[in-house]
Amino acid sequence: MDFKVIIEQDEDGWYVVTVPSLPGCVSQGKTEEEAKKNIAEAIELHLSALARDGTQIGHRKELKETFVAVDI
């Protein structure tokens, strides 16, 4: 199963990764590759917890990704 992730570099240089379709699923790493490895593990743990709790796993349909132009 593939999940879209968002990778951002914080002010300390760490890469912070979130999963829009799994609220609360967050990880980080010193490098982008480490962050990707860590978020994969976090996703597996998150999905295991959802399954254990009987929570339906699915993508949130109310999310929409788009771009907005802003004049600066």
N, C-alpha and C. Protein backbone atom coordinates (compact mmCIF):
# COMPACT_ATOMS: atom_id res chain seq x y z
N MET A 1 0.85 -1.17 0.00
CA MET A 1 0.00 0.00 0.00
C MET A 1 0.90 1.24 0.00
N ASP A 2 0.63 2.15 -0.87
CA ASP A 2 1.42 3.38 -0.95
C ASP A 2 0.70 4.51 -0.24
N PHE A 3 1.48 5.34 0.44
CA PHE A 3 0.95 6.50 1.13
C PHE A 3 1.71 7.74 0.69
N LYS A 4 0.97 8.80 0.44
CA LYS A 4 1.60 10.09 0.14
C LYS A 4 2.13 10.66 1.45
N VAL A 5 3.36 11.14 1.44
CA VAL A 5 3.95 11.74 2.63
C VAL A 5 4.42 13.15 2.30
N ILE A 6 4.51 13.97 3.32
CA ILE A 6 5.02 15.34 3.19
C ILE A 6 6.33 15.40 3.98
N ILE A 7 7.40 15.83 3.32
CA ILE A 7 8.71 15.93 3.97
C ILE A 7 9.10 17.40 4.03
N GLU A 8 9.41 17.85 5.24
CA GLU A 8 9.85 19.23 5.45
C GLU A 8 11.12 19.22 6.28
N GLN A 9 12.01 20.14 6.00
CA GLN A 9 13.21 20.27 6.82
C GLN A 9 12.96 21.36 7.85
N ASP A 10 13.17 21.01 9.14
CA ASP A 10 12.91 21.99 10.19
C ASP A 10 14.11 22.91 10.39
N GLU A 11 13.97 23.85 11.32
CA GLU A 11 15.01 24.86 11.56
C GLU A 11 16.32 24.28 12.09
N ASP A 12 16.27 23.06 12.62
CA ASP A 12 17.48 22.40 13.12
C ASP A 12 18.10 21.47 12.08
N GLY A 13 17.51 21.41 10.89
CA GLY A 13 18.05 20.59 9.82
C GLY A 13 17.49 19.17 9.75
N TRP A 14 16.63 18.79 10.69
CA TRP A 14 16.00 17.47 10.66
C TRP A 14 14.90 17.44 9.61
N TYR A 15 14.68 16.27 9.03
CA TYR A 15 13.59 16.07 8.07
C TYR A 15 12.39 15.49 8.81
N VAL A 16 11.29 16.22 8.78
CA VAL A 16 10.07 15.82 9.47
C VAL A 16 9.07 15.35 8.41
N VAL A 17 8.49 14.17 8.65
CA VAL A 17 7.59 13.57 7.67
C VAL A 17 6.22 13.34 8.29
N THR A 18 5.17 13.74 7.57
CA THR A 18 3.80 13.49 7.98
C THR A 18 3.07 12.74 6.87
N VAL A 19 1.98 12.09 7.26
CA VAL A 19 1.16 11.33 6.32
C VAL A 19 -0.24 11.93 6.34
N PRO A 20 -0.61 12.71 5.32
CA PRO A 20 -1.91 13.39 5.33
C PRO A 20 -3.10 12.45 5.54
N SER A 21 -3.05 11.23 5.01
CA SER A 21 -4.19 10.33 5.14
C SER A 21 -4.21 9.58 6.47
N LEU A 22 -3.17 9.75 7.29
CA LEU A 22 -3.12 9.13 8.62
C LEU A 22 -2.80 10.20 9.66
N PRO A 23 -3.79 10.98 10.06
CA PRO A 23 -3.54 12.05 11.03
C PRO A 23 -2.82 11.53 12.28
N GLY A 24 -1.79 12.25 12.68
CA GLY A 24 -1.03 11.85 13.86
C GLY A 24 0.15 10.96 13.55
N CYS A 25 0.28 10.52 12.31
CA CYS A 25 1.41 9.66 11.93
C CYS A 25 2.54 10.58 11.46
N VAL A 26 3.55 10.72 12.32
CA VAL A 26 4.66 11.64 12.10
C VAL A 26 5.96 10.95 12.46
N SER A 27 7.03 11.27 11.73
CA SER A 27 8.35 10.78 12.09
C SER A 27 9.38 11.79 11.61
N GLN A 28 10.65 11.48 11.85
CA GLN A 28 11.72 12.39 11.44
C GLN A 28 13.01 11.61 11.23
N GLY A 29 13.99 12.29 10.68
CA GLY A 29 15.30 11.69 10.49
C GLY A 29 16.33 12.76 10.23
N LYS A 30 17.60 12.42 10.45
CA LYS A 30 18.68 13.37 10.20
C LYS A 30 18.89 13.60 8.71
N THR A 31 18.57 12.58 7.90
CA THR A 31 18.65 12.69 6.44
C THR A 31 17.27 12.39 5.87
N GLU A 32 17.07 12.75 4.61
CA GLU A 32 15.78 12.46 3.98
C GLU A 32 15.56 10.95 3.89
N GLU A 33 16.61 10.20 3.57
CA GLU A 33 16.49 8.74 3.48
C GLU A 33 16.13 8.13 4.83
N GLU A 34 16.77 8.60 5.90
CA GLU A 34 16.46 8.10 7.24
C GLU A 34 15.02 8.44 7.61
N ALA A 35 14.58 9.64 7.23
CA ALA A 35 13.20 10.05 7.53
C ALA A 35 12.20 9.16 6.79
N LYS A 36 12.50 8.80 5.54
CA LYS A 36 11.61 7.92 4.77
C LYS A 36 11.56 6.53 5.40
N LYS A 37 12.69 6.03 5.83
CA LYS A 37 12.74 4.72 6.48
C LYS A 37 11.93 4.76 7.77
N ASN A 38 12.10 5.82 8.55
CA ASN A 38 11.40 5.95 9.83
C ASN A 38 9.89 6.10 9.64
N ILE A 39 9.46 6.85 8.60
CA ILE A 39 8.01 7.02 8.41
C ILE A 39 7.39 5.72 7.94
N ALA A 40 8.12 4.91 7.17
CA ALA A 40 7.59 3.61 6.75
C ALA A 40 7.30 2.76 7.98
N GLU A 41 8.21 2.75 8.93
CA GLU A 41 8.00 2.00 10.18
C GLU A 41 6.83 2.60 10.97
N ALA A 42 6.75 3.93 11.02
CA ALA A 42 5.67 4.59 11.74
C ALA A 42 4.31 4.26 11.11
N ILE A 43 4.26 4.21 9.78
CA ILE A 43 3.01 3.87 9.09
C ILE A 43 2.58 2.45 9.46
N GLU A 44 3.53 1.51 9.44
CA GLU A 44 3.21 0.13 9.80
C GLU A 44 2.66 0.04 11.22
N LEU A 45 3.29 0.73 12.15
CA LEU A 45 2.82 0.73 13.54
C LEU A 45 1.45 1.39 13.66
N HIS A 46 1.27 2.48 12.95
CA HIS A 46 0.00 3.21 12.98
C HIS A 46 -1.13 2.32 12.46
N LEU A 47 -0.88 1.64 11.32
CA LEU A 47 -1.89 0.76 10.75
C LEU A 47 -2.19 -0.43 11.66
N SER A 48 -1.16 -0.95 12.32
CA SER A 48 -1.37 -2.05 13.27
C SER A 48 -2.26 -1.61 14.42
N ALA A 49 -2.02 -0.39 14.92
CA ALA A 49 -2.84 0.13 16.02
C ALA A 49 -4.28 0.33 15.56
N LEU A 50 -4.48 0.85 14.35
CA LEU A 50 -5.84 1.04 13.84
C LEU A 50 -6.55 -0.30 13.70
N ALA A 51 -5.84 -1.29 13.17
CA ALA A 51 -6.43 -2.62 13.01
C ALA A 51 -6.78 -3.24 14.35
N ARG A 52 -5.89 -3.09 15.32
CA ARG A 52 -6.12 -3.63 16.66
C ARG A 52 -7.37 -2.99 17.30
N ASP A 53 -7.55 -1.69 17.03
CA ASP A 53 -8.70 -0.97 17.60
C ASP A 53 -9.96 -1.14 16.77
N GLY A 54 -9.85 -1.83 15.63
CA GLY A 54 -11.01 -2.04 14.77
C GLY A 54 -11.40 -0.83 13.95
N THR A 55 -10.49 0.09 13.78
CA THR A 55 -10.75 1.31 13.02
C THR A 55 -10.57 1.04 11.54
N GLN A 56 -11.52 1.48 10.75
CA GLN A 56 -11.46 1.30 9.30
C GLN A 56 -10.28 2.08 8.74
N ILE A 57 -9.52 1.44 7.87
CA ILE A 57 -8.38 2.09 7.23
C ILE A 57 -8.81 2.53 5.84
N GLY A 58 -8.64 3.79 5.56
CA GLY A 58 -9.01 4.30 4.25
C GLY A 58 -8.51 5.72 4.10
N HIS A 59 -8.49 6.17 2.88
CA HIS A 59 -8.04 7.53 2.63
C HIS A 59 -9.17 8.50 2.94
N ARG A 60 -8.81 9.63 3.50
CA ARG A 60 -9.79 10.65 3.84
C ARG A 60 -10.24 11.36 2.57
N LYS A 61 -11.51 11.22 2.24
CA LYS A 61 -12.03 11.78 1.00
C LYS A 61 -12.20 13.29 1.07
N GLU A 62 -12.27 13.83 2.28
CA GLU A 62 -12.50 15.27 2.39
C GLU A 62 -11.24 16.08 2.10
N LEU A 63 -10.08 15.42 1.96
CA LEU A 63 -8.85 16.13 1.64
C LEU A 63 -8.76 16.38 0.14
N LYS A 64 -8.34 17.56 -0.22
CA LYS A 64 -8.13 17.87 -1.62
C LYS A 64 -6.83 18.65 -1.72
N GLU A 65 -5.96 18.22 -2.61
CA GLU A 65 -4.70 18.91 -2.81
C GLU A 65 -4.80 19.79 -4.03
N THR A 66 -4.38 21.03 -3.88
CA THR A 66 -4.42 21.97 -4.99
C THR A 66 -3.36 23.03 -4.75
N PHE A 67 -3.20 23.92 -5.68
CA PHE A 67 -2.24 25.02 -5.55
C PHE A 67 -2.99 26.33 -5.69
N VAL A 68 -2.51 27.34 -5.00
CA VAL A 68 -3.09 28.68 -5.06
C VAL A 68 -1.98 29.66 -5.36
N ALA A 69 -2.18 30.51 -6.35
CA ALA A 69 -1.20 31.52 -6.71
C ALA A 69 -1.37 32.75 -5.84
N VAL A 70 -0.25 33.28 -5.37
CA VAL A 70 -0.26 34.48 -4.53
C VAL A 70 0.74 35.48 -5.10
N ASP A 71 0.32 36.70 -5.29
CA ASP A 71 1.22 37.75 -5.75
C ASP A 71 1.93 38.34 -4.55
N ILE A 72 3.25 38.35 -4.64
CA ILE A 72 4.05 38.90 -3.52
C ILE A 72 4.71 40.16 -3.97
